[in-house]
């Protein structure tokens, strides 16, 4: 009892010496007489992953894929190989174990489609995870009833790009989606309304570097284009306007300023708009910013 009480003080119960704690052994000992006061202390002061020696790493190596929200079961399920089971009762149990619920089947279809679109568009991992969280929330609120899974997945991806301010347009996602543009837009409206979310419009400046690279233009054209869009954004609202149209008009205006021969058709095809839209945005930027070409 005396030894147990002494672990809460700073002095040894036998000689009155100072008490030391040896982390390697988990022991509390007296620094003067060597009395072991406690030998089963767990160190709770350190958090996070433990550090092992090389031999311990070999013996205690972790296996299995990491937990991810992109997996329908978070990667925690166990796959049973029915071919290696000889007991017929166990085979029957393994067969029943593979029958998943509609919720898991729905999330499996959604996660597969989400990964396919994200892979084709080179979307980062945090965008995919945010889109999956939005889809799961939509599923919990029963927003999938009467709506296409693929359309809701595409809408969640576009909403995640808008929330994270990642430069991807709706048309790019529609080109890769396995649903009609009408269904995707309706699903996007439902997400905004039912989840009570607020998103900013896509910044056209964030799309400029990609279009400049696709058109093979130099850094000077990019600098002038960004300057034009910044001046326009400070004076006028870009809400409700297609960011691709503003990008195309600004690029064409920058080419005119530098006397660069680049046709409207080349810019329109690269950006993904019509030549009529390009001319309208070009005249709007030129007139409102009083730029003389």
C-alpha atoms as a PDB file:
ATOM      1  CA  UNK A   1       0.000   0.000   0.000  1.00  0.00           C
ATOM      2  CA  UNK A   2       2.848   2.352   0.854  1.00  0.00           C
ATOM      3  CA  UNK A   3       4.459   1.741  -2.525  1.00  0.00           C
ATOM      4  CA  UNK A   4       1.137   2.314  -4.302  1.00  0.00           C
ATOM      5  CA  UNK A   5       0.565   5.575  -2.446  1.00  0.00           C
ATOM      6  CA  UNK A   6       4.094   6.780  -3.170  1.00  0.00           C
ATOM      7  CA  UNK A   7       3.510   6.817  -6.925  1.00  0.00           C
ATOM      8  CA  UNK A   8       1.306   9.878  -6.487  1.00  0.00           C
ATOM      9  CA  UNK A   9       4.116  11.767  -4.643  1.00  0.00           C
ATOM     10  CA  UNK A  10       7.599  12.834  -5.704  1.00  0.00           C
ATOM     11  CA  UNK A  11       9.461  11.044  -2.887  1.00  0.00           C
ATOM     12  CA  UNK A  12      10.338   7.399  -2.252  1.00  0.00           C
ATOM     13  CA  UNK A  13       8.541   5.750   0.687  1.00  0.00           C
ATOM     14  CA  UNK A  14      11.697   3.859   1.764  1.00  0.00           C
ATOM     15  CA  UNK A  15      14.516   6.401   1.595  1.00  0.00           C
ATOM     16  CA  UNK A  16      12.828   9.655   0.653  1.00  0.00           C
ATOM     17  CA  UNK A  17      14.717   9.890  -2.628  1.00  0.00           C
ATOM     18  CA  UNK A  18      13.347  11.394  -5.841  1.00  0.00           C
ATOM     19  CA  UNK A  19      11.156   9.252  -8.115  1.00  0.00           C
ATOM     20  CA  UNK A  20      12.045   8.649 -11.768  1.00  0.00           C
ATOM     21  CA  UNK A  21       9.884   7.337 -14.615  1.00  0.00           C
ATOM     22  CA  UNK A  22      11.515   5.007 -17.183  1.00  0.00           C
ATOM     23  CA  UNK A  23       9.429   5.213 -20.380  1.00  0.00           C
ATOM     24  CA  UNK A  24      11.156   2.269 -22.116  1.00  0.00           C
ATOM     25  CA  UNK A  25      10.098  -0.156 -19.359  1.00  0.00           C
ATOM     26  CA  UNK A  26       6.995   1.607 -18.060  1.00  0.00           C
ATOM     27  CA  UNK A  27       8.390   1.620 -14.536  1.00  0.00           C
ATOM     28  CA  UNK A  28       8.487   4.146 -11.688  1.00  0.00           C
ATOM     29  CA  UNK A  29      11.673   3.725  -9.627  1.00  0.00           C
ATOM     30  CA  UNK A  30      13.557   5.533  -6.891  1.00  0.00           C
ATOM     31  CA  UNK A  31      16.630   7.301  -8.156  1.00  0.00           C
ATOM     32  CA  UNK A  32      18.477   6.795  -4.841  1.00  0.00           C
ATOM     33  CA  UNK A  33      17.795   3.245  -3.648  1.00  0.00           C
ATOM     34  CA  UNK A  34      16.436   1.720  -6.872  1.00  0.00           C
ATOM     35  CA  UNK A  35      13.070   0.626  -5.414  1.00  0.00           C
ATOM     36  CA  UNK A  36      10.569  -0.249  -8.147  1.00  0.00           C
ATOM     37  CA  UNK A  37       7.390   1.526  -7.057  1.00  0.00           C
ATOM     38  CA  UNK A  38       5.227   0.637 -10.091  1.00  0.00           C
ATOM     39  CA  UNK A  39       6.028  -1.489 -13.130  1.00  0.00           C
ATOM     40  CA  UNK A  40       2.757  -1.386 -15.108  1.00  0.00           C
ATOM     41  CA  UNK A  41       2.270   2.233 -16.087  1.00  0.00           C
ATOM     42  CA  UNK A  42       0.708   2.985 -19.479  1.00  0.00           C
ATOM     43  CA  UNK A  43       1.886   6.185 -21.125  1.00  0.00           C
ATOM     44  CA  UNK A  44      -1.164   8.155 -22.304  1.00  0.00           C
ATOM     45  CA  UNK A  45       0.743  11.369 -22.921  1.00  0.00           C
ATOM     46  CA  UNK A  46       1.662  10.470 -26.509  1.00  0.00           C
ATOM     47  CA  UNK A  47      -1.007  10.319 -29.207  1.00  0.00           C
ATOM     48  CA  UNK A  48      -0.980   9.262 -32.837  1.00  0.00           C
ATOM     49  CA  UNK A  49       0.846   6.351 -34.424  1.00  0.00           C
ATOM     50  CA  UNK A  50       3.453   4.454 -32.441  1.00  0.00           C
ATOM     51  CA  UNK A  51       7.015   4.173 -33.681  1.00  0.00           C
ATOM     52  CA  UNK A  52       8.411   0.649 -33.915  1.00  0.00           C
ATOM     53  CA  UNK A  53      11.855  -0.705 -34.572  1.00  0.00           C
ATOM     54  CA  UNK A  54      12.621  -2.402 -37.873  1.00  0.00           C
ATOM     55  CA  UNK A  55      12.040  -5.865 -36.438  1.00  0.00           C
ATOM     56  CA  UNK A  56       8.768  -4.819 -34.827  1.00  0.00           C
ATOM     57  CA  UNK A  57       7.628  -3.295 -38.118  1.00  0.00           C
ATOM     58  CA  UNK A  58       8.087  -6.671 -39.791  1.00  0.00           C
ATOM     59  CA  UNK A  59       6.179  -8.477 -37.057  1.00  0.00           C
ATOM     60  CA  UNK A  60       3.423  -5.892 -36.651  1.00  0.00           C
ATOM     61  CA  UNK A  61       2.931  -4.724 -40.218  1.00  0.00           C
ATOM     62  CA  UNK A  62      -0.561  -3.397 -40.930  1.00  0.00           C
ATOM     63  CA  UNK A  63      -2.393  -4.880 -43.887  1.00  0.00           C
ATOM     64  CA  UNK A  64      -5.506  -3.927 -45.842  1.00  0.00           C
ATOM     65  CA  UNK A  65      -6.580  -0.786 -47.667  1.00  0.00           C
ATOM     66  CA  UNK A  66      -7.140   2.427 -45.690  1.00  0.00           C
ATOM     67  CA  UNK A  67     -10.624   3.524 -44.670  1.00  0.00           C
ATOM     68  CA  UNK A  68     -12.180   5.836 -47.254  1.00  0.00           C
ATOM     69  CA  UNK A  69     -15.608   7.400 -47.706  1.00  0.00           C
ATOM     70  CA  UNK A  70     -15.301   6.597 -51.425  1.00  0.00           C
ATOM     71  CA  UNK A  71     -15.946   2.934 -50.549  1.00  0.00           C
ATOM     72  CA  UNK A  72     -19.596   2.042 -49.851  1.00  0.00           C
ATOM     73  CA  UNK A  73     -18.650   0.095 -46.703  1.00  0.00           C
ATOM     74  CA  UNK A  74     -15.729   2.415 -45.759  1.00  0.00           C
ATOM     75  CA  UNK A  75     -13.410  -0.508 -46.625  1.00  0.00           C
ATOM     76  CA  UNK A  76     -14.291  -2.386 -43.430  1.00  0.00           C
ATOM     77  CA  UNK A  77     -16.054  -5.415 -44.925  1.00  0.00           C
ATOM     78  CA  UNK A  78     -14.488  -8.877 -45.174  1.00  0.00           C
ATOM     79  CA  UNK A  79     -14.514 -10.743 -48.487  1.00  0.00           C
ATOM     80  CA  UNK A  80     -14.978 -14.510 -48.075  1.00  0.00           C
ATOM     81  CA  UNK A  81     -13.626 -16.833 -50.764  1.00  0.00           C
ATOM     82  CA  UNK A  82     -16.410 -19.396 -51.179  1.00  0.00           C
ATOM     83  CA  UNK A  83     -14.235 -21.697 -53.327  1.00  0.00           C
ATOM     84  CA  UNK A  84     -11.970 -22.539 -50.370  1.00  0.00           C
ATOM     85  CA  UNK A  85     -14.872 -23.461 -48.052  1.00  0.00           C
ATOM     86  CA  UNK A  86     -15.552 -27.185 -47.850  1.00  0.00           C
ATOM     87  CA  UNK A  87     -18.363 -27.121 -45.306  1.00  0.00           C
ATOM     88  CA  UNK A  88     -21.734 -26.762 -47.144  1.00  0.00           C
ATOM     89  CA  UNK A  89     -23.266 -24.861 -44.228  1.00  0.00           C
ATOM     90  CA  UNK A  90     -20.482 -22.311 -44.344  1.00  0.00           C
ATOM     91  CA  UNK A  91     -20.877 -22.030 -48.113  1.00  0.00           C
ATOM     92  CA  UNK A  92     -24.562 -21.243 -47.650  1.00  0.00           C
ATOM     93  CA  UNK A  93     -23.725 -18.634 -45.006  1.00  0.00           C
ATOM     94  CA  UNK A  94     -21.107 -17.051 -47.290  1.00  0.00           C
ATOM     95  CA  UNK A  95     -23.654 -16.912 -50.130  1.00  0.00           C
ATOM     96  CA  UNK A  96     -26.181 -15.102 -47.946  1.00  0.00           C
ATOM     97  CA  UNK A  97     -23.454 -12.772 -46.737  1.00  0.00           C
ATOM     98  CA  UNK A  98     -22.878 -11.518 -50.298  1.00  0.00           C
ATOM     99  CA  UNK A  99     -26.506 -10.342 -50.636  1.00  0.00           C
ATOM    100  CA  UNK A 100     -26.262  -6.659 -49.867  1.00  0.00           C
ATOM    101  CA  UNK A 101     -29.051  -4.206 -49.125  1.00  0.00           C
ATOM    102  CA  UNK A 102     -30.351  -1.649 -51.594  1.00  0.00           C
ATOM    103  CA  UNK A 103     -28.583   1.153 -49.702  1.00  0.00           C
ATOM    104  CA  UNK A 104     -25.186  -0.515 -50.103  1.00  0.00           C
ATOM    105  CA  UNK A 105     -25.936  -1.393 -53.727  1.00  0.00           C
ATOM    106  CA  UNK A 106     -26.964   2.212 -54.427  1.00  0.00           C
ATOM    107  CA  UNK A 107     -23.796   3.612 -52.862  1.00  0.00           C
ATOM    108  CA  UNK A 108     -21.702   1.048 -54.755  1.00  0.00           C
ATOM    109  CA  UNK A 109     -23.172   2.177 -58.100  1.00  0.00           C
ATOM    110  CA  UNK A 110     -22.746   5.833 -57.145  1.00  0.00           C
ATOM    111  CA  UNK A 111     -19.142   5.490 -55.970  1.00  0.00           C
ATOM    112  CA  UNK A 112     -18.186   3.621 -59.167  1.00  0.00           C
ATOM    113  CA  UNK A 113     -19.704   6.323 -61.380  1.00  0.00           C
ATOM    114  CA  UNK A 114     -18.153   9.077 -59.255  1.00  0.00           C
ATOM    115  CA  UNK A 115     -14.674   7.571 -59.530  1.00  0.00           C
ATOM    116  CA  UNK A 116     -15.063   7.168 -63.306  1.00  0.00           C
ATOM    117  CA  UNK A 117     -16.011  10.810 -63.917  1.00  0.00           C
ATOM    118  CA  UNK A 118     -13.394  12.105 -61.465  1.00  0.00           C
ATOM    119  CA  UNK A 119     -10.692  10.002 -63.108  1.00  0.00           C
ATOM    120  CA  UNK A 120     -11.542  11.307 -66.579  1.00  0.00           C
ATOM    121  CA  UNK A 121     -11.497  14.917 -65.338  1.00  0.00           C
ATOM    122  CA  UNK A 122      -8.387  14.480 -63.127  1.00  0.00           C
ATOM    123  CA  UNK A 123     -10.225  15.688 -60.029  1.00  0.00           C
ATOM    124  CA  UNK A 124      -8.275  15.617 -56.729  1.00  0.00           C
ATOM    125  CA  UNK A 125      -9.166  13.323 -53.875  1.00  0.00           C
ATOM    126  CA  UNK A 126     -10.730  16.006 -51.649  1.00  0.00           C
ATOM    127  CA  UNK A 127     -13.227  16.885 -54.408  1.00  0.00           C
ATOM    128  CA  UNK A 128     -14.260  13.232 -54.714  1.00  0.00           C
ATOM    129  CA  UNK A 129     -14.686  12.866 -50.962  1.00  0.00           C
ATOM    130  CA  UNK A 130     -16.762  16.038 -50.707  1.00  0.00           C
ATOM    131  CA  UNK A 131     -18.980  14.886 -53.591  1.00  0.00           C
ATOM    132  CA  UNK A 132     -19.487  11.505 -51.921  1.00  0.00           C
ATOM    133  CA  UNK A 133     -20.505  13.181 -48.658  1.00  0.00           C
ATOM    134  CA  UNK A 134     -23.057  15.253 -50.557  1.00  0.00           C
ATOM    135  CA  UNK A 135     -24.450  12.143 -52.240  1.00  0.00           C
ATOM    136  CA  UNK A 136     -24.751  10.261 -48.944  1.00  0.00           C
ATOM    137  CA  UNK A 137     -26.574  13.231 -47.417  1.00  0.00           C
ATOM    138  CA  UNK A 138     -28.913  13.353 -50.418  1.00  0.00           C
ATOM    139  CA  UNK A 139     -29.569   9.609 -50.029  1.00  0.00           C
ATOM    140  CA  UNK A 140     -30.361  10.022 -46.325  1.00  0.00           C
ATOM    141  CA  UNK A 141     -32.860  12.783 -47.117  1.00  0.00           C
ATOM    142  CA  UNK A 142     -34.489  10.572 -49.764  1.00  0.00           C
ATOM    143  CA  UNK A 143     -33.717  12.951 -52.618  1.00  0.00           C
ATOM    144  CA  UNK A 144     -32.913  10.016 -54.922  1.00  0.00           C
ATOM    145  CA  UNK A 145     -36.530   8.965 -55.256  1.00  0.00           C
ATOM    146  CA  UNK A 146     -37.612   9.363 -58.854  1.00  0.00           C
ATOM    147  CA  UNK A 147     -34.186  10.620 -59.889  1.00  0.00           C
ATOM    148  CA  UNK A 148     -31.262   9.040 -61.688  1.00  0.00           C
ATOM    149  CA  UNK A 149     -28.249   7.915 -59.662  1.00  0.00           C
ATOM    150  CA  UNK A 150     -25.837   9.016 -62.396  1.00  0.00           C
ATOM    151  CA  UNK A 151     -27.470  12.448 -62.633  1.00  0.00           C
ATOM    152  CA  UNK A 152     -27.228  12.975 -58.875  1.00  0.00           C
ATOM    153  CA  UNK A 153     -23.567  11.876 -58.878  1.00  0.00           C
ATOM    154  CA  UNK A 154     -22.723  14.382 -61.635  1.00  0.00           C
ATOM    155  CA  UNK A 155     -24.608  17.117 -59.762  1.00  0.00           C
ATOM    156  CA  UNK A 156     -22.728  16.328 -56.544  1.00  0.00           C
ATOM    157  CA  UNK A 157     -19.387  16.504 -58.360  1.00  0.00           C
ATOM    158  CA  UNK A 158     -20.228  19.865 -59.913  1.00  0.00           C
ATOM    159  CA  UNK A 159     -21.433  21.188 -56.556  1.00  0.00           C
ATOM    160  CA  UNK A 160     -18.231  19.977 -54.872  1.00  0.00           C
ATOM    161  CA  UNK A 161     -16.148  21.770 -57.530  1.00  0.00           C
ATOM    162  CA  UNK A 162     -18.137  24.956 -56.931  1.00  0.00           C
ATOM    163  CA  UNK A 163     -17.772  24.702 -53.152  1.00  0.00           C
ATOM    164  CA  UNK A 164     -14.013  24.103 -53.341  1.00  0.00           C
ATOM    165  CA  UNK A 165     -13.596  26.698 -56.150  1.00  0.00           C
ATOM    166  CA  UNK A 166     -12.018  24.108 -58.417  1.00  0.00           C
ATOM    167  CA  UNK A 167     -11.898  25.198 -62.094  1.00  0.00           C
ATOM    168  CA  UNK A 168     -14.293  22.756 -63.757  1.00  0.00           C
ATOM    169  CA  UNK A 169     -17.350  23.842 -65.712  1.00  0.00           C
ATOM    170  CA  UNK A 170     -20.728  22.160 -65.838  1.00  0.00           C
ATOM    171  CA  UNK A 171     -20.270  21.326 -69.511  1.00  0.00           C
ATOM    172  CA  UNK A 172     -17.083  19.370 -68.786  1.00  0.00           C
ATOM    173  CA  UNK A 173     -18.912  17.240 -66.219  1.00  0.00           C
ATOM    174  CA  UNK A 174     -21.892  16.792 -68.576  1.00  0.00           C
ATOM    175  CA  UNK A 175     -19.540  15.518 -71.301  1.00  0.00           C
ATOM    176  CA  UNK A 176     -18.370  12.718 -68.975  1.00  0.00           C
ATOM    177  CA  UNK A 177     -21.667  12.026 -67.178  1.00  0.00           C
ATOM    178  CA  UNK A 178     -23.939   9.104 -68.066  1.00  0.00           C
ATOM    179  CA  UNK A 179     -27.087  11.217 -67.725  1.00  0.00           C
ATOM    180  CA  UNK A 180     -28.817  13.938 -69.694  1.00  0.00           C
ATOM    181  CA  UNK A 181     -27.994  17.589 -69.091  1.00  0.00           C
ATOM    182  CA  UNK A 182     -31.609  18.247 -68.105  1.00  0.00           C
ATOM    183  CA  UNK A 183     -31.541  15.617 -65.328  1.00  0.00           C
ATOM    184  CA  UNK A 184     -28.181  16.830 -63.994  1.00  0.00           C
ATOM    185  CA  UNK A 185     -29.382  20.454 -63.814  1.00  0.00           C
ATOM    186  CA  UNK A 186     -32.568  19.390 -62.035  1.00  0.00           C
ATOM    187  CA  UNK A 187     -30.575  17.322 -59.529  1.00  0.00           C
ATOM    188  CA  UNK A 188     -28.235  20.255 -58.928  1.00  0.00           C
ATOM    189  CA  UNK A 189     -31.196  22.561 -58.217  1.00  0.00           C
ATOM    190  CA  UNK A 190     -32.654  20.012 -55.797  1.00  0.00           C
ATOM    191  CA  UNK A 191     -29.343  19.744 -53.909  1.00  0.00           C
ATOM    192  CA  UNK A 192     -29.044  23.514 -53.560  1.00  0.00           C
ATOM    193  CA  UNK A 193     -32.638  23.866 -52.383  1.00  0.00           C
ATOM    194  CA  UNK A 194     -33.022  20.863 -50.080  1.00  0.00           C
ATOM    195  CA  UNK A 195     -29.548  21.005 -48.487  1.00  0.00           C
ATOM    196  CA  UNK A 196     -29.799  24.798 -48.131  1.00  0.00           C
ATOM    197  CA  UNK A 197     -26.378  25.392 -49.679  1.00  0.00           C
ATOM    198  CA  UNK A 198     -24.899  28.595 -51.037  1.00  0.00           C
ATOM    199  CA  UNK A 199     -22.205  28.494 -53.683  1.00  0.00           C
ATOM    200  CA  UNK A 200     -20.306  31.196 -55.486  1.00  0.00           C
ATOM    201  CA  UNK A 201     -20.242  31.500 -59.248  1.00  0.00           C
ATOM    202  CA  UNK A 202     -17.276  29.984 -61.024  1.00  0.00           C
ATOM    203  CA  UNK A 203     -14.482  32.528 -61.239  1.00  0.00           C
ATOM    204  CA  UNK A 204     -13.612  32.938 -64.944  1.00  0.00           C
ATOM    205  CA  UNK A 205     -10.035  33.897 -64.026  1.00  0.00           C
ATOM    206  CA  UNK A 206      -9.431  30.362 -62.697  1.00  0.00           C
ATOM    207  CA  UNK A 207     -10.248  28.945 -66.157  1.00  0.00           C
ATOM    208  CA  UNK A 208      -7.863  31.208 -68.084  1.00  0.00           C
ATOM    209  CA  UNK A 209      -4.562  29.238 -67.669  1.00  0.00           C
ATOM    210  CA  UNK A 210      -6.085  26.065 -69.120  1.00  0.00           C
ATOM    211  CA  UNK A 211      -7.559  27.817 -72.164  1.00  0.00           C
ATOM    212  CA  UNK A 212      -4.332  29.727 -72.764  1.00  0.00           C
ATOM    213  CA  UNK A 213      -2.407  26.449 -72.741  1.00  0.00           C
ATOM    214  CA  UNK A 214      -4.865  24.736 -75.098  1.00  0.00           C
ATOM    215  CA  UNK A 215      -4.650  27.622 -77.562  1.00  0.00           C
ATOM    216  CA  UNK A 216      -0.841  27.730 -77.372  1.00  0.00           C
ATOM    217  CA  UNK A 217      -0.682  31.398 -76.339  1.00  0.00           C
ATOM    218  CA  UNK A 218       2.119  33.037 -74.374  1.00  0.00           C
ATOM    219  CA  UNK A 219       2.217  34.458 -70.834  1.00  0.00           C
ATOM    220  CA  UNK A 220       1.722  38.037 -72.037  1.00  0.00           C
ATOM    221  CA  UNK A 221      -1.716  37.207 -73.481  1.00  0.00           C
ATOM    222  CA  UNK A 222      -2.594  35.450 -70.230  1.00  0.00           C
ATOM    223  CA  UNK A 223      -1.573  38.483 -68.168  1.00  0.00           C
ATOM    224  CA  UNK A 224      -3.648  40.887 -70.300  1.00  0.00           C
ATOM    225  CA  UNK A 225      -6.672  38.552 -70.236  1.00  0.00           C
ATOM    226  CA  UNK A 226      -6.592  38.265 -66.445  1.00  0.00           C
ATOM    227  CA  UNK A 227      -6.221  42.050 -66.143  1.00  0.00           C
ATOM    228  CA  UNK A 228      -9.297  42.575 -68.357  1.00  0.00           C
ATOM    229  CA  UNK A 229     -11.421  40.174 -66.326  1.00  0.00           C
ATOM    230  CA  UNK A 230     -10.297  41.715 -63.015  1.00  0.00           C
ATOM    231  CA  UNK A 231     -11.247  45.215 -64.217  1.00  0.00           C
ATOM    232  CA  UNK A 232     -14.613  43.959 -65.403  1.00  0.00           C
ATOM    233  CA  UNK A 233     -15.263  42.070 -62.152  1.00  0.00           C
ATOM    234  CA  UNK A 234     -14.545  45.167 -60.042  1.00  0.00           C
ATOM    235  CA  UNK A 235     -17.034  47.342 -61.943  1.00  0.00           C
ATOM    236  CA  UNK A 236     -19.788  44.886 -62.929  1.00  0.00           C
ATOM    237  CA  UNK A 237     -21.355  41.720 -61.557  1.00  0.00           C
ATOM    238  CA  UNK A 238     -20.567  38.434 -63.311  1.00  0.00           C
ATOM    239  CA  UNK A 239     -23.405  36.577 -61.599  1.00  0.00           C
ATOM    240  CA  UNK A 240     -25.611  34.794 -64.118  1.00  0.00           C
ATOM    241  CA  UNK A 241     -23.082  35.065 -66.924  1.00  0.00           C
ATOM    242  CA  UNK A 242     -21.389  32.032 -68.412  1.00  0.00           C
ATOM    243  CA  UNK A 243     -17.737  32.123 -67.248  1.00  0.00           C
ATOM    244  CA  UNK A 244     -16.627  30.430 -70.455  1.00  0.00           C
ATOM    245  CA  UNK A 245     -18.129  33.247 -72.534  1.00  0.00           C
ATOM    246  CA  UNK A 246     -16.294  35.873 -70.478  1.00  0.00           C
ATOM    247  CA  UNK A 247     -13.049  33.918 -70.840  1.00  0.00           C
ATOM    248  CA  UNK A 248     -13.432  33.628 -74.595  1.00  0.00           C
ATOM    249  CA  UNK A 249     -14.300  37.310 -75.014  1.00  0.00           C
ATOM    250  CA  UNK A 250     -11.356  38.413 -72.851  1.00  0.00           C
ATOM    251  CA  UNK A 251      -8.907  36.160 -74.700  1.00  0.00           C
ATOM    252  CA  UNK A 252     -10.094  37.440 -78.085  1.00  0.00           C
ATOM    253  CA  UNK A 253      -9.829  41.036 -76.858  1.00  0.00           C
ATOM    254  CA  UNK A 254      -6.303  40.421 -75.566  1.00  0.00           C
ATOM    255  CA  UNK A 255      -5.314  38.942 -78.929  1.00  0.00           C
ATOM    256  CA  UNK A 256      -6.713  42.030 -80.683  1.00  0.00           C
ATOM    257  CA  UNK A 257      -4.722  44.317 -78.362  1.00  0.00           C
ATOM    258  CA  UNK A 258      -1.481  42.458 -79.166  1.00  0.00           C
ATOM    259  CA  UNK A 259      -2.389  42.222 -82.902  1.00  0.00           C
ATOM    260  CA  UNK A 260      -2.304  38.430 -82.739  1.00  0.00           C
ATOM    261  CA  UNK A 261      -4.040  36.573 -85.552  1.00  0.00           C
ATOM    262  CA  UNK A 262      -6.353  34.123 -83.799  1.00  0.00           C
ATOM    263  CA  UNK A 263      -9.776  33.450 -85.270  1.00  0.00           C
ATOM    264  CA  UNK A 264     -13.035  33.486 -83.344  1.00  0.00           C
ATOM    265  CA  UNK A 265     -13.711  29.922 -84.411  1.00  0.00           C
ATOM    266  CA  UNK A 266     -10.463  28.653 -82.867  1.00  0.00           C
ATOM    267  CA  UNK A 267     -11.235  30.283 -79.514  1.00  0.00           C
ATOM    268  CA  UNK A 268     -14.889  29.233 -79.551  1.00  0.00           C
ATOM    269  CA  UNK A 269     -14.057  25.588 -80.303  1.00  0.00           C
ATOM    270  CA  UNK A 270     -11.377  25.462 -77.609  1.00  0.00           C
ATOM    271  CA  UNK A 271     -13.528  27.067 -74.900  1.00  0.00           C
ATOM    272  CA  UNK A 272     -16.717  25.254 -75.901  1.00  0.00           C
ATOM    273  CA  UNK A 273     -19.093  28.069 -76.814  1.00  0.00           C
ATOM    274  CA  UNK A 274     -20.605  29.491 -79.994  1.00  0.00           C
ATOM    275  CA  UNK A 275     -19.064  32.309 -82.012  1.00  0.00           C
ATOM    276  CA  UNK A 276     -22.180  34.423 -81.384  1.00  0.00           C
ATOM    277  CA  UNK A 277     -21.577  34.263 -77.620  1.00  0.00           C
ATOM    278  CA  UNK A 278     -17.915  35.113 -78.104  1.00  0.00           C
ATOM    279  CA  UNK A 279     -18.734  38.213 -80.171  1.00  0.00           C
ATOM    280  CA  UNK A 280     -21.343  39.355 -77.650  1.00  0.00           C
ATOM    281  CA  UNK A 281     -18.943  39.088 -74.704  1.00  0.00           C
ATOM    282  CA  UNK A 282     -16.136  40.683 -76.747  1.00  0.00           C
ATOM    283  CA  UNK A 283     -18.258  43.734 -77.579  1.00  0.00           C
ATOM    284  CA  UNK A 284     -19.488  43.947 -73.970  1.00  0.00           C
ATOM    285  CA  UNK A 285     -15.962  43.923 -72.516  1.00  0.00           C
ATOM    286  CA  UNK A 286     -14.668  46.366 -75.114  1.00  0.00           C
ATOM    287  CA  UNK A 287     -17.528  48.833 -74.632  1.00  0.00           C
ATOM    288  CA  UNK A 288     -17.884  48.806 -70.843  1.00  0.00           C
ATOM    289  CA  UNK A 289     -14.117  48.983 -70.181  1.00  0.00           C
ATOM    290  CA  UNK A 290     -13.572  51.637 -72.927  1.00  0.00           C
ATOM    291  CA  UNK A 291     -10.789  49.649 -74.585  1.00  0.00           C
ATOM    292  CA  UNK A 292      -9.695  50.851 -78.017  1.00  0.00           C
ATOM    293  CA  UNK A 293      -8.315  48.253 -80.387  1.00  0.00           C
END
